[in-house]
């Protein structure tokens, strides 16, 4: 399978081909997850990558091919977050997934990035993660969905073995239910969402969230690059006291936080080393700090929260220092102006 020099039309065909490949799932694994990989692409350099030989190759303006070696598997979900200086001109960038799937022994992921106006842009860096799980782990609380634009589930996972559901409730509006993953309320854990679209710029965010003894229930809003509610494929992952890729021990270092703003309920703020995370600053830049969990390689993902077309990303790469982890987050409106938006953020170390 050849992934070089992809145009928008070729990316559409690639997405269709990879979607069809998802039927050949691997046997259930004994551990959670089956396979995962992540990387930071910033300044034209790959870092914080796992597996260690992960590569990122430009594939035209604003598009990249990420190769995670040796972890090929069907299904799974991808999350992507832009990494871009929020003060750069013009401001505001976002990144999304286009397609993913196995090619020989490797897992290939196509990523694209845009600036306001829906223009493909090669300036931003990005943070990307792929993960796939199977099997029943009733004591765990972890689930994800990959849904098409009509709300049909392409692939899913629920650690209790229950069936997740997605319903298209209107243009760009989806209801997602991760049943069986019960927790105390009103909200618990962390959630990330990413638009998947090989043909045009799109963004997805979480608009509402309710935790209960019956499971986790979300509303997801998706928008076009013009800020118009638009149906698109998307991924959503929810975790409770686990890394975003599903692992818990290992990894022994991970954390998450919800800025509503201000901080969300206590069960949405977690640090595996204890004490939770802290939130400081504010628009245009928030600083999230988790003490004692910096253990490269690791990965950070950010998702905007709310009902408007606002979106969020990483202002700069995260900075580990003396065991602490600093994460800088910026949020923008559809025109690229800094705004005071809610967001969720999660850090997951390999170790």
Protein backbone atom coordinates (compact mmCIF):
# COMPACT_ATOMS: atom_id res chain seq x y z
CA UNK A 1 0.00 0.00 0.00
CA UNK A 2 1.50 3.36 -1.04
CA UNK A 3 0.82 6.54 0.97
CA UNK A 4 3.11 9.12 -0.63
CA UNK A 5 2.14 12.52 -2.09
CA UNK A 6 -1.52 12.27 -1.29
CA UNK A 7 -3.91 14.81 -2.75
CA UNK A 8 -7.32 15.45 -1.24
CA UNK A 9 -8.96 13.08 -3.73
CA UNK A 10 -6.43 10.34 -3.07
CA UNK A 11 -6.92 10.79 0.67
CA UNK A 12 -10.66 10.23 0.22
CA UNK A 13 -9.98 6.95 -1.57
CA UNK A 14 -7.46 5.99 1.09
CA UNK A 15 -9.97 6.61 3.85
CA UNK A 16 -12.54 4.42 2.12
CA UNK A 17 -10.01 1.64 1.62
CA UNK A 18 -8.87 1.68 5.23
CA UNK A 19 -12.42 1.76 6.54
CA UNK A 20 -13.10 -1.40 4.59
CA UNK A 21 -10.01 -3.02 6.09
CA UNK A 22 -11.34 -2.70 9.62
CA UNK A 23 -13.23 -5.96 9.44
CA UNK A 24 -10.13 -8.12 9.91
CA UNK A 25 -9.66 -7.57 13.64
CA UNK A 26 -6.92 -9.29 15.59
CA UNK A 27 -7.75 -11.85 18.28
CA UNK A 28 -8.43 -10.47 21.74
CA UNK A 29 -5.28 -9.71 23.68
CA UNK A 30 -4.54 -10.71 27.23
CA UNK A 31 -3.69 -7.16 28.25
CA UNK A 32 -5.21 -3.74 27.69
CA UNK A 33 -4.45 -2.29 25.15
CA UNK A 34 -3.64 -4.59 22.22
CA UNK A 35 -1.52 -1.97 20.46
CA UNK A 36 -0.78 1.74 20.71
CA UNK A 37 1.60 4.38 19.44
CA UNK A 38 2.07 8.12 19.81
CA UNK A 39 4.34 10.92 18.65
CA UNK A 40 5.00 14.64 18.85
CA UNK A 41 5.80 16.37 15.53
CA UNK A 42 7.20 19.86 16.15
CA UNK A 43 9.74 21.95 14.27
CA UNK A 44 10.10 19.23 11.66
CA UNK A 45 11.33 16.74 14.27
CA UNK A 46 9.73 13.61 15.73
CA UNK A 47 10.04 13.29 19.51
CA UNK A 48 8.25 11.71 22.46
CA UNK A 49 7.50 8.81 20.12
CA UNK A 50 6.47 5.26 20.81
CA UNK A 51 7.46 2.86 19.31
CA UNK A 52 10.95 4.37 19.23
CA UNK A 53 11.28 4.02 15.43
CA UNK A 54 8.04 5.95 14.70
CA UNK A 55 8.38 8.34 11.74
CA UNK A 56 6.45 11.33 10.37
CA UNK A 57 6.69 12.18 6.65
CA UNK A 58 5.15 15.24 4.93
CA UNK A 59 2.66 14.19 2.23
CA UNK A 60 1.82 17.51 0.61
CA UNK A 61 0.81 20.86 2.06
CA UNK A 62 -0.70 20.41 5.51
CA UNK A 63 -0.66 16.61 5.39
CA UNK A 64 1.57 14.03 7.05
CA UNK A 65 1.96 10.27 7.12
CA UNK A 66 2.72 8.83 10.57
CA UNK A 67 4.18 5.31 10.64
CA UNK A 68 4.00 3.36 13.89
CA UNK A 69 6.26 0.36 13.21
CA UNK A 70 5.37 -3.15 14.25
CA UNK A 71 1.92 -2.48 15.73
CA UNK A 72 -0.32 -3.10 12.70
CA UNK A 73 -3.89 -3.93 13.63
CA UNK A 74 -7.37 -3.27 12.28
CA UNK A 75 -9.73 -0.93 14.07
CA UNK A 76 -8.69 1.32 16.92
CA UNK A 77 -9.02 5.08 17.22
CA UNK A 78 -6.81 8.08 16.52
CA UNK A 79 -6.62 11.41 18.37
CA UNK A 80 -4.75 14.48 17.11
CA UNK A 81 -4.04 17.88 18.66
CA UNK A 82 -2.37 20.85 16.94
CA UNK A 83 0.81 22.28 18.47
CA UNK A 84 1.16 25.91 17.40
CA UNK A 85 2.11 29.27 18.91
CA UNK A 86 -1.19 30.99 19.61
CA UNK A 87 0.39 34.41 18.96
CA UNK A 88 1.64 33.53 15.47
CA UNK A 89 0.09 35.34 12.51
CA UNK A 90 -2.44 34.33 11.41
CA UNK A 91 -3.39 32.74 14.75
CA UNK A 92 -5.35 29.57 15.32
CA UNK A 93 -4.61 26.10 13.96
CA UNK A 94 -6.28 22.74 14.33
CA UNK A 95 -5.40 19.21 13.23
CA UNK A 96 -7.54 16.19 12.44
CA UNK A 97 -7.25 12.57 11.37
CA UNK A 98 -7.86 11.58 7.75
CA UNK A 99 -7.47 7.79 7.79
CA UNK A 100 -5.54 4.96 9.42
CA UNK A 101 -4.96 1.26 9.02
CA UNK A 102 -2.38 -1.53 8.79
CA UNK A 103 0.20 -1.76 6.03
CA UNK A 104 2.36 -4.84 6.43
CA UNK A 105 3.66 -4.85 10.02
CA UNK A 106 3.09 -1.12 10.51
CA UNK A 107 0.16 1.08 11.47
CA UNK A 108 -0.18 4.12 9.19
CA UNK A 109 -2.05 7.28 10.17
CA UNK A 110 -2.81 10.25 7.92
CA UNK A 111 -2.99 13.64 9.69
CA UNK A 112 -3.97 17.01 8.24
CA UNK A 113 -3.83 20.52 9.74
CA UNK A 114 -5.74 23.69 8.89
CA UNK A 115 -5.84 27.39 9.67
CA UNK A 116 -8.98 29.60 9.76
CA UNK A 117 -10.71 29.65 6.40
CA UNK A 118 -10.26 25.91 5.96
CA UNK A 119 -6.81 26.28 4.41
CA UNK A 120 -4.39 23.37 4.70
CA UNK A 121 -1.34 24.58 6.58
CA UNK A 122 2.12 23.07 7.06
CA UNK A 123 3.11 25.41 9.91
CA UNK A 124 1.61 23.68 12.92
CA UNK A 125 3.07 20.72 14.65
CA UNK A 126 0.83 18.08 16.16
CA UNK A 127 0.53 15.41 18.81
CA UNK A 128 -0.98 12.13 17.61
CA UNK A 129 -1.99 8.87 19.27
CA UNK A 130 -3.31 5.56 17.92
CA UNK A 131 -4.71 2.84 20.20
CA UNK A 132 -6.66 -0.38 19.82
CA UNK A 133 -8.13 -2.61 22.54
CA UNK A 134 -10.16 -5.80 22.77
CA UNK A 135 -11.32 -8.24 25.42
CA UNK A 136 -13.36 -7.76 28.60
CA UNK A 137 -11.79 -6.20 31.68
CA UNK A 138 -14.78 -5.68 33.94
CA UNK A 139 -12.83 -3.91 36.69
CA UNK A 140 -11.54 -1.30 34.22
CA UNK A 141 -13.31 1.85 33.08
CA UNK A 142 -12.33 2.62 29.49
CA UNK A 143 -14.11 2.89 26.15
CA UNK A 144 -14.03 4.44 22.71
CA UNK A 145 -15.98 4.78 19.48
CA UNK A 146 -15.13 5.53 15.87
CA UNK A 147 -18.36 6.69 14.22
CA UNK A 148 -19.16 7.64 10.64
CA UNK A 149 -20.90 10.88 9.68
CA UNK A 150 -24.35 9.28 10.02
CA UNK A 151 -23.59 8.01 13.53
CA UNK A 152 -22.93 4.42 12.48
CA UNK A 153 -20.22 2.76 14.52
CA UNK A 154 -17.16 1.73 12.50
CA UNK A 155 -15.36 0.27 15.50
CA UNK A 156 -15.74 0.47 19.26
CA UNK A 157 -14.44 -0.79 22.57
CA UNK A 158 -15.98 -1.06 26.04
CA UNK A 159 -13.94 -2.67 28.83
CA UNK A 160 -17.08 -4.19 30.38
CA UNK A 161 -18.11 -5.85 27.12
CA UNK A 162 -21.23 -3.69 26.80
CA UNK A 163 -22.21 -2.15 23.45
CA UNK A 164 -21.59 1.56 22.93
CA UNK A 165 -24.07 3.57 20.84
CA UNK A 166 -23.87 6.71 18.69
CA UNK A 167 -26.89 8.62 17.38
CA UNK A 168 -26.86 11.49 14.88
CA UNK A 169 -29.30 13.91 16.55
CA UNK A 170 -29.04 16.69 13.95
CA UNK A 171 -26.49 18.47 11.74
CA UNK A 172 -23.14 18.09 13.47
CA UNK A 173 -24.71 16.81 16.71
CA UNK A 174 -24.15 13.31 18.07
CA UNK A 175 -25.22 11.51 21.23
CA UNK A 176 -22.69 8.97 22.47
CA UNK A 177 -23.45 6.40 25.18
CA UNK A 178 -20.75 4.24 26.74
CA UNK A 179 -23.05 1.94 28.67
CA UNK A 180 -21.88 -0.18 31.57
CA UNK A 181 -18.97 2.14 32.38
CA UNK A 182 -20.59 3.43 35.53
CA UNK A 183 -18.98 5.92 37.91
CA UNK A 184 -20.08 8.46 40.45
CA UNK A 185 -21.40 11.72 39.02
CA UNK A 186 -21.86 14.37 37.93
CA UNK A 187 -18.78 13.77 35.73
CA UNK A 188 -15.79 11.48 36.18
CA UNK A 189 -12.67 10.69 34.18
CA UNK A 190 -11.58 12.39 30.97
CA UNK A 191 -12.85 12.49 27.39
CA UNK A 192 -11.14 13.31 24.09
CA UNK A 193 -12.74 13.73 20.65
CA UNK A 194 -11.20 14.16 17.18
CA UNK A 195 -12.73 14.87 13.77
CA UNK A 196 -11.93 12.43 10.95
CA UNK A 197 -12.31 13.87 7.47
CA UNK A 198 -10.02 13.39 4.44
CA UNK A 199 -11.90 15.84 2.22
CA UNK A 200 -12.23 19.07 4.22
CA UNK A 201 -11.36 20.82 7.46
CA UNK A 202 -13.55 19.70 10.37
CA UNK A 203 -13.49 19.99 14.14
CA UNK A 204 -15.29 18.04 16.86
CA UNK A 205 -15.66 18.83 20.55
CA UNK A 206 -17.59 17.62 23.58
CA UNK A 207 -20.68 19.73 24.28
CA UNK A 208 -22.11 17.95 27.34
CA UNK A 209 -21.16 15.06 29.58
CA UNK A 210 -22.96 13.09 32.26
CA UNK A 211 -21.55 10.28 34.41
CA UNK A 212 -23.82 7.88 36.26
CA UNK A 213 -24.01 4.34 37.58
CA UNK A 214 -25.32 3.33 34.13
CA UNK A 215 -22.39 4.67 32.12
CA UNK A 216 -20.98 7.75 30.42
CA UNK A 217 -23.15 9.92 28.18
CA UNK A 218 -21.93 12.67 25.85
CA UNK A 219 -23.08 15.16 23.27
CA UNK A 220 -20.49 15.79 20.55
CA UNK A 221 -20.65 18.84 18.27
CA UNK A 222 -18.79 18.86 14.94
CA UNK A 223 -18.20 21.90 12.74
CA UNK A 224 -16.90 22.72 9.29
CA UNK A 225 -13.97 25.09 8.88
CA UNK A 226 -16.57 27.85 8.44
CA UNK A 227 -17.96 27.12 11.91
CA UNK A 228 -21.16 25.53 10.58
CA UNK A 229 -22.48 22.39 12.35
CA UNK A 230 -21.57 19.60 9.96
CA UNK A 231 -21.81 15.82 10.03
CA UNK A 232 -18.41 14.14 9.92
CA UNK A 233 -16.74 10.97 11.08
CA UNK A 234 -15.19 11.32 14.55
CA UNK A 235 -13.51 9.40 17.36
CA UNK A 236 -14.21 9.65 21.09
CA UNK A 237 -12.28 8.04 23.97
CA UNK A 238 -13.25 8.13 27.64
CA UNK A 239 -10.92 7.03 30.44
CA UNK A 240 -11.21 6.73 34.19
CA UNK A 241 -7.91 6.52 36.10
CA UNK A 242 -6.20 5.12 33.01
CA UNK A 243 -3.94 6.44 30.28
CA UNK A 244 -5.68 7.64 27.12
CA UNK A 245 -4.48 4.52 25.29
CA UNK A 246 -6.09 2.31 27.93
CA UNK A 247 -3.14 1.18 30.06
CA UNK A 248 -3.00 1.59 33.83
CA UNK A 249 -0.03 -0.27 35.31
CA UNK A 250 2.01 0.30 33.29
CA UNK A 251 1.94 3.16 32.62
CA UNK A 252 2.41 4.40 36.15
CA UNK A 253 2.43 8.09 35.19
CA UNK A 254 -0.61 9.76 33.65
CA UNK A 255 -3.02 12.53 34.47
CA UNK A 256 -6.02 14.47 33.24
CA UNK A 257 -7.98 17.63 33.97
CA UNK A 258 -11.16 19.36 32.84
CA UNK A 259 -11.27 23.15 32.60
CA UNK A 260 -14.97 24.01 32.40
CA UNK A 261 -13.80 26.91 33.07
CA UNK A 262 -12.82 26.93 35.98
CA UNK A 263 -11.83 23.44 37.14
CA UNK A 264 -14.44 20.72 36.74
CA UNK A 265 -15.69 18.32 39.45
CA UNK A 266 -13.08 16.51 41.59
CA UNK A 267 -13.37 13.20 39.70
CA UNK A 268 -12.30 14.92 36.46
CA UNK A 269 -8.94 15.95 37.92
CA UNK A 270 -6.51 13.05 38.37
CA UNK A 271 -2.78 12.51 38.76
CA UNK A 272 -1.49 8.95 39.07
CA UNK A 273 1.21 10.29 41.41
CA UNK A 274 -1.45 11.86 43.64
CA UNK A 275 -2.69 15.38 44.20
CA UNK A 276 -4.39 16.05 40.89
CA UNK A 277 -3.36 18.75 38.41
CA UNK A 278 -3.30 22.53 38.70
CA UNK A 279 -4.62 25.17 36.31
CA UNK A 280 -3.18 28.68 36.01
CA UNK A 281 -3.23 31.63 33.64
CA UNK A 282 -6.05 31.97 31.21
CA UNK A 283 -6.74 33.25 27.76
CA UNK A 284 -4.80 33.39 25.61
CA UNK A 285 -2.72 30.70 27.36
CA UNK A 286 -3.65 28.27 30.12
CA UNK A 287 -0.94 26.36 31.98
CA UNK A 288 -1.79 22.89 33.28
CA UNK A 289 0.74 21.26 35.61
CA UNK A 290 0.93 17.67 36.83
CA UNK A 291 3.57 17.03 39.50
CA UNK A 292 5.84 13.98 39.55
CA UNK A 293 4.58 12.25 36.40
CA UNK A 294 6.91 13.47 33.63
CA UNK A 295 8.40 10.28 32.20
CA UNK A 296 9.22 10.54 28.49
CA UNK A 297 8.12 9.33 26.10
CA UNK A 298 4.59 10.54 26.69
CA UNK A 299 1.71 12.10 24.82
CA UNK A 300 -0.73 14.98 25.40
CA UNK A 301 -4.17 15.44 23.83
CA UNK A 302 -6.56 18.39 24.20
CA UNK A 303 -10.25 18.70 23.27
CA UNK A 304 -12.39 21.84 23.43
CA UNK A 305 -15.58 21.73 25.51
CA UNK A 306 -18.77 23.64 24.72
CA UNK A 307 -21.39 24.27 22.05
CA UNK A 308 -19.70 26.97 19.93
CA UNK A 309 -17.26 26.46 17.02
CA UNK A 310 -14.36 27.39 19.34
CA UNK A 311 -11.42 24.98 19.32
CA UNK A 312 -8.33 24.36 21.45
CA UNK A 313 -4.79 23.11 20.97
CA UNK A 314 -1.34 23.08 22.49
CA UNK A 315 0.39 26.48 22.49
CA UNK A 316 3.78 24.71 22.58
CA UNK A 317 5.18 21.24 23.25
CA UNK A 318 4.75 20.09 26.83
CA UNK A 319 7.75 20.57 29.09
CA UNK A 320 8.91 17.93 31.58
CA UNK A 321 11.13 19.19 34.35
CA UNK A 322 12.22 17.63 37.66
CA UNK A 323 9.38 15.14 37.36
CA UNK A 324 6.70 17.80 36.81
CA UNK A 325 4.87 18.25 33.54
CA UNK A 326 3.83 21.65 32.16
CA UNK A 327 1.18 21.84 29.42
CA UNK A 328 0.24 25.13 27.71
CA UNK A 329 -3.19 25.29 26.06
CA UNK A 330 -4.68 27.97 23.80
CA UNK A 331 -8.26 28.21 22.51
CA UNK A 332 -9.64 30.15 19.55
CA UNK A 333 -12.88 31.15 17.91
CA UNK A 334 -13.60 30.37 14.29
CA UNK A 335 -11.71 33.49 13.12
CA UNK A 336 -8.62 32.56 15.13
CA UNK A 337 -9.03 35.04 17.99
CA UNK A 338 -8.15 33.81 21.49
CA UNK A 339 -11.15 32.90 23.63
CA UNK A 340 -11.89 31.63 27.14
CA UNK A 341 -13.05 28.14 26.21
CA UNK A 342 -13.49 25.01 28.27
CA UNK A 343 -11.27 22.05 27.44
CA UNK A 344 -10.16 18.61 28.56
CA UNK A 345 -6.49 17.62 28.62
CA UNK A 346 -4.79 14.29 29.25
CA UNK A 347 -1.14 13.20 29.53
CA UNK A 348 -0.12 9.55 29.12
CA UNK A 349 3.41 8.27 29.63
CA UNK A 350 4.70 5.04 28.13
CA UNK A 351 6.17 4.04 31.50
